[in-house]
């Protein structure tokens, strides 16, 4: 656990890179390049810019009751155990990938057409949601600076 927001953002780059490796394992050659370029590159530059612009490098500790912290840890452990049980069930019963493999055109042109034709609304909503999150962080940070 890091109390430095810049360190947390850099660990997120490692997470994005691990996801790109999973795409390579799934034999999708174009998606990992996009993952590294867009997320680990552009999005992380944006995150770091916002963190440093707002002066929020040092994360303030959350003061809460120890009982709720233990509760959240217990819920997380139960969810991880359920996830592992699901994986074991799928692997032992052979339920994963039992059918034929679908042939999917994973070229950049096909991906772009699919993204901006079939998924244009979710794409735009995601952009608006990210914009609202950045504005919200800016508003909350400025309010805290005025109070201090």
Foldseek 3Di string as FASTA:
>chain_A
DDQFVLVVLVVVLVVLQVVLVVCVVVVQVPVSVCSCCPPSNVVSVVVVVLCVVLVVGGHDDDDDDVVVVVVVVVVVVVVVVVVVVVVVVCVVVVVPPPDDDDDDDNDPVVVVCCCCPVPVVVVVVVVVVVVVVSVVVNVVSVVVVVVD
